PDB file of N, CA and C in Angstrom:
ATOM      1  N   UNK A   1     -12.262 -47.506  42.990  1.00  0.00           N
ATOM      2  CA  UNK A   1     -13.344 -46.722  43.797  1.00  0.00           C
ATOM      3  C   UNK A   1     -12.423 -45.507  42.897  1.00  0.00           C
ATOM      4  N   UNK A   2     -13.062 -44.382  41.442  1.00  0.00           N
ATOM      5  CA  UNK A   2     -12.272 -43.333  40.451  1.00  0.00           C
ATOM      6  C   UNK A   2     -11.747 -42.693  40.969  1.00  0.00           C
ATOM      7  N   UNK A   3     -11.717 -41.218  40.602  1.00  0.00           N
ATOM      8  CA  UNK A   3     -12.325 -40.128  41.689  1.00  0.00           C
ATOM      9  C   UNK A   3     -13.401 -39.607  40.625  1.00  0.00           C
ATOM     10  N   UNK A   4     -13.449 -39.901  39.589  1.00  0.00           N
ATOM     11  CA  UNK A   4     -14.590 -40.058  38.749  1.00  0.00           C
ATOM     12  C   UNK A   4     -15.694 -40.003  39.172  1.00  0.00           C
ATOM     13  N   UNK A   5     -15.944 -41.446  39.924  1.00  0.00           N
ATOM     14  CA  UNK A   5     -17.048 -41.797  40.585  1.00  0.00           C
ATOM     15  C   UNK A   5     -17.485 -41.832  42.070  1.00  0.00           C
ATOM     16  N   UNK A   6     -16.307 -41.116  42.718  1.00  0.00           N
ATOM     17  CA  UNK A   6     -16.584 -40.120  44.186  1.00  0.00           C
ATOM     18  C   UNK A   6     -17.202 -39.044  43.852  1.00  0.00           C
ATOM     19  N   UNK A   7     -16.510 -38.956  42.883  1.00  0.00           N
ATOM     20  CA  UNK A   7     -17.417 -37.700  42.575  1.00  0.00           C
ATOM     21  C   UNK A   7     -18.583 -37.025  42.099  1.00  0.00           C
ATOM     22  N   UNK A   8     -19.769 -38.320  41.106  1.00  0.00           N
ATOM     23  CA  UNK A   8     -20.823 -38.556  41.319  1.00  0.00           C
ATOM     24  C   UNK A   8     -21.559 -39.496  42.640  1.00  0.00           C
ATOM     25  N   UNK A   9     -20.560 -40.124  43.048  1.00  0.00           N
ATOM     26  CA  UNK A   9     -21.451 -40.487  44.546  1.00  0.00           C
ATOM     27  C   UNK A   9     -21.268 -39.774  45.661  1.00  0.00           C
ATOM     28  N   UNK A  10     -20.691 -38.323  45.645  1.00  0.00           N
ATOM     29  CA  UNK A  10     -20.796 -37.584  46.130  1.00  0.00           C
ATOM     30  C   UNK A  10     -21.604 -36.277  45.859  1.00  0.00           C
ATOM     31  N   UNK A  11     -22.138 -36.149  44.378  1.00  0.00           N
ATOM     32  CA  UNK A  11     -23.011 -35.325  44.802  1.00  0.00           C
ATOM     33  C   UNK A  11     -24.305 -35.714  44.008  1.00  0.00           C
ATOM     34  N   UNK A  12     -24.646 -37.195  44.156  1.00  0.00           N
ATOM     35  CA  UNK A  12     -25.692 -37.720  43.707  1.00  0.00           C
ATOM     36  C   UNK A  12     -26.196 -38.200  45.364  1.00  0.00           C
ATOM     37  N   UNK A  13     -25.245 -38.161  46.852  1.00  0.00           N
ATOM     38  CA  UNK A  13     -25.625 -37.746  47.754  1.00  0.00           C
ATOM     39  C   UNK A  13     -25.781 -36.826  48.550  1.00  0.00           C
ATOM     40  N   UNK A  14     -25.579 -35.636  47.841  1.00  0.00           N
ATOM     41  CA  UNK A  14     -25.700 -34.001  48.261  1.00  0.00           C
ATOM     42  C   UNK A  14     -28.070 -33.863  47.427  1.00  0.00           C
ATOM     43  N   UNK A  15     -27.677 -34.097  46.613  1.00  0.00           N
ATOM     44  CA  UNK A  15     -28.599 -34.251  45.855  1.00  0.00           C
ATOM     45  C   UNK A  15     -29.949 -34.589  46.692  1.00  0.00           C
ATOM     46  N   UNK A  16     -29.496 -36.307  46.680  1.00  0.00           N
ATOM     47  CA  UNK A  16     -30.339 -36.776  47.908  1.00  0.00           C
ATOM     48  C   UNK A  16     -31.264 -36.455  48.233  1.00  0.00           C
ATOM     49  N   UNK A  17     -29.421 -35.529  49.403  1.00  0.00           N
ATOM     50  CA  UNK A  17     -30.173 -36.106  50.835  1.00  0.00           C
ATOM     51  C   UNK A  17     -30.609 -33.959  50.530  1.00  0.00           C
ATOM     52  N   UNK A  18     -30.609 -33.271  50.083  1.00  0.00           N
ATOM     53  CA  UNK A  18     -31.352 -31.772  50.408  1.00  0.00           C
ATOM     54  C   UNK A  18     -32.358 -32.031  49.159  1.00  0.00           C
ATOM     55  N   UNK A  19     -32.885 -32.759  49.553  1.00  0.00           N
ATOM     56  CA  UNK A  19     -34.039 -33.365  47.917  1.00  0.00           C
ATOM     57  C   UNK A  19     -35.247 -33.466  49.529  1.00  0.00           C
ATOM     58  N   UNK A  20     -34.547 -34.336  50.327  1.00  0.00           N
ATOM     59  CA  UNK A  20     -35.427 -35.213  51.693  1.00  0.00           C
ATOM     60  C   UNK A  20     -35.634 -34.525  52.447  1.00  0.00           C
ATOM     61  N   UNK A  21     -34.125 -33.267  52.381  1.00  0.00           N
ATOM     62  CA  UNK A  21     -34.699 -32.068  53.344  1.00  0.00           C
ATOM     63  C   UNK A  21     -35.170 -30.939  53.862  1.00  0.00           C
ATOM     64  N   UNK A  22     -36.038 -30.263  51.959  1.00  0.00           N
ATOM     65  CA  UNK A  22     -36.939 -30.337  50.989  1.00  0.00           C
ATOM     66  C   UNK A  22     -37.898 -30.748  50.776  1.00  0.00           C
ATOM     67  N   UNK A  23     -37.758 -31.317  50.997  1.00  0.00           N
ATOM     68  CA  UNK A  23     -39.764 -31.888  50.491  1.00  0.00           C
ATOM     69  C   UNK A  23     -40.640 -32.646  51.850  1.00  0.00           C
ATOM     70  N   UNK A  24     -41.281 -31.601  51.814  1.00  0.00           N
ATOM     71  CA  UNK A  24     -42.837 -32.100  53.137  1.00  0.00           C
ATOM     72  C   UNK A  24     -42.740 -33.202  52.748  1.00  0.00           C
ATOM     73  N   UNK A  25     -42.829 -34.374  51.476  1.00  0.00           N
ATOM     74  CA  UNK A  25     -43.650 -35.424  51.934  1.00  0.00           C
ATOM     75  C   UNK A  25     -42.745 -36.653  52.637  1.00  0.00           C
ATOM     76  N   UNK A  26     -41.921 -35.875  51.844  1.00  0.00           N
ATOM     77  CA  UNK A  26     -39.886 -37.164  52.741  1.00  0.00           C
ATOM     78  C   UNK A  26     -40.295 -36.698  54.686  1.00  0.00           C
ATOM     79  N   UNK A  27     -40.599 -35.888  54.551  1.00  0.00           N
ATOM     80  CA  UNK A  27     -40.727 -35.646  56.182  1.00  0.00           C
ATOM     81  C   UNK A  27     -41.781 -36.623  57.070  1.00  0.00           C
ATOM     82  N   UNK A  28     -43.285 -37.241  56.382  1.00  0.00           N
ATOM     83  CA  UNK A  28     -43.122 -38.135  56.352  1.00  0.00           C
ATOM     84  C   UNK A  28     -43.505 -39.678  55.978  1.00  0.00           C
ATOM     85  N   UNK A  29     -42.817 -40.194  54.719  1.00  0.00           N
ATOM     86  CA  UNK A  29     -42.580 -40.573  54.187  1.00  0.00           C
ATOM     87  C   UNK A  29     -41.647 -40.354  53.015  1.00  0.00           C
ATOM     88  N   UNK A  30     -41.263 -41.867  52.716  1.00  0.00           N
ATOM     89  CA  UNK A  30     -40.139 -41.077  50.518  1.00  0.00           C
ATOM     90  C   UNK A  30     -41.170 -40.969  50.909  1.00  0.00           C
ATOM     91  N   UNK A  31     -40.677 -39.887  49.283  1.00  0.00           N
ATOM     92  CA  UNK A  31     -41.834 -39.784  48.320  1.00  0.00           C
ATOM     93  C   UNK A  31     -41.436 -40.592  47.073  1.00  0.00           C
ATOM     94  N   UNK A  32     -41.536 -40.682  45.762  1.00  0.00           N
ATOM     95  CA  UNK A  32     -40.613 -41.223  45.313  1.00  0.00           C
ATOM     96  C   UNK A  32     -39.240 -40.789  44.047  1.00  0.00           C
ATOM     97  N   UNK A  33     -39.378 -39.816  43.876  1.00  0.00           N
ATOM     98  CA  UNK A  33     -38.604 -39.162  44.421  1.00  0.00           C
ATOM     99  C   UNK A  33     -37.155 -39.693  44.472  1.00  0.00           C
ATOM    100  N   UNK A  34     -37.346 -39.518  45.809  1.00  0.00           N
ATOM    101  CA  UNK A  34     -36.393 -39.544  47.454  1.00  0.00           C
ATOM    102  C   UNK A  34     -36.340 -40.927  47.262  1.00  0.00           C
ATOM    103  N   UNK A  35     -36.890 -41.796  46.993  1.00  0.00           N
ATOM    104  CA  UNK A  35     -36.473 -43.326  46.198  1.00  0.00           C
ATOM    105  C   UNK A  35     -35.629 -43.482  44.774  1.00  0.00           C
ATOM    106  N   UNK A  36     -36.281 -42.854  44.082  1.00  0.00           N
ATOM    107  CA  UNK A  36     -35.685 -42.724  43.032  1.00  0.00           C
ATOM    108  C   UNK A  36     -33.940 -42.065  43.647  1.00  0.00           C
ATOM    109  N   UNK A  37     -33.367 -41.502  44.393  1.00  0.00           N
ATOM    110  CA  UNK A  37     -32.411 -40.514  44.041  1.00  0.00           C
ATOM    111  C   UNK A  37     -31.425 -41.168  44.671  1.00  0.00           C
ATOM    112  N   UNK A  38     -32.586 -41.896  45.717  1.00  0.00           N
ATOM    113  CA  UNK A  38     -31.944 -42.744  46.169  1.00  0.00           C
ATOM    114  C   UNK A  38     -30.605 -44.620  45.716  1.00  0.00           C
ATOM    115  N   UNK A  39     -31.621 -44.442  44.880  1.00  0.00           N
ATOM    116  CA  UNK A  39     -31.083 -45.835  44.170  1.00  0.00           C
ATOM    117  C   UNK A  39     -30.106 -44.797  43.301  1.00  0.00           C
ATOM    118  N   UNK A  40     -30.135 -43.985  41.972  1.00  0.00           N
ATOM    119  CA  UNK A  40     -29.355 -42.907  42.113  1.00  0.00           C
ATOM    120  C   UNK A  40     -27.813 -42.762  42.895  1.00  0.00           C
ATOM    121  N   UNK A  41     -27.695 -42.767  43.607  1.00  0.00           N
ATOM    122  CA  UNK A  41     -26.639 -42.264  44.750  1.00  0.00           C
ATOM    123  C   UNK A  41     -25.943 -43.578  44.818  1.00  0.00           C
ATOM    124  N   UNK A  42     -26.749 -45.040  45.276  1.00  0.00           N
ATOM    125  CA  UNK A  42     -26.794 -46.046  45.253  1.00  0.00           C
ATOM    126  C   UNK A  42     -25.473 -46.805  44.211  1.00  0.00           C
ATOM    127  N   UNK A  43     -26.364 -46.768  43.100  1.00  0.00           N
ATOM    128  CA  UNK A  43     -25.345 -46.728  41.796  1.00  0.00           C
ATOM    129  C   UNK A  43     -24.514 -46.026  41.617  1.00  0.00           C
ATOM    130  N   UNK A  44     -24.321 -45.055  42.425  1.00  0.00           N
ATOM    131  CA  UNK A  44     -22.847 -44.100  41.831  1.00  0.00           C
ATOM    132  C   UNK A  44     -21.513 -44.476  42.263  1.00  0.00           C
ATOM    133  N   UNK A  45     -22.746 -45.180  44.076  1.00  0.00           N
ATOM    134  CA  UNK A  45     -21.145 -45.778  44.706  1.00  0.00           C
ATOM    135  C   UNK A  45     -20.191 -46.963  44.225  1.00  0.00           C
ATOM    136  N   UNK A  46     -20.864 -47.537  43.445  1.00  0.00           N
ATOM    137  CA  UNK A  46     -20.259 -49.492  42.535  1.00  0.00           C
ATOM    138  C   UNK A  46     -19.725 -48.505  42.365  1.00  0.00           C
TER     139      UNK A  46
END
């Protein structure tokens, strides 16, 4: 994993985590945005 990839993965994770903390819908069930952000994070880790 390159430094750029690691940085992108970390940024994607922080965005995903921040969304799930702030989103009222995520407190009961994952919303569509959280699902997309989670997929983006998993892709960035590859």
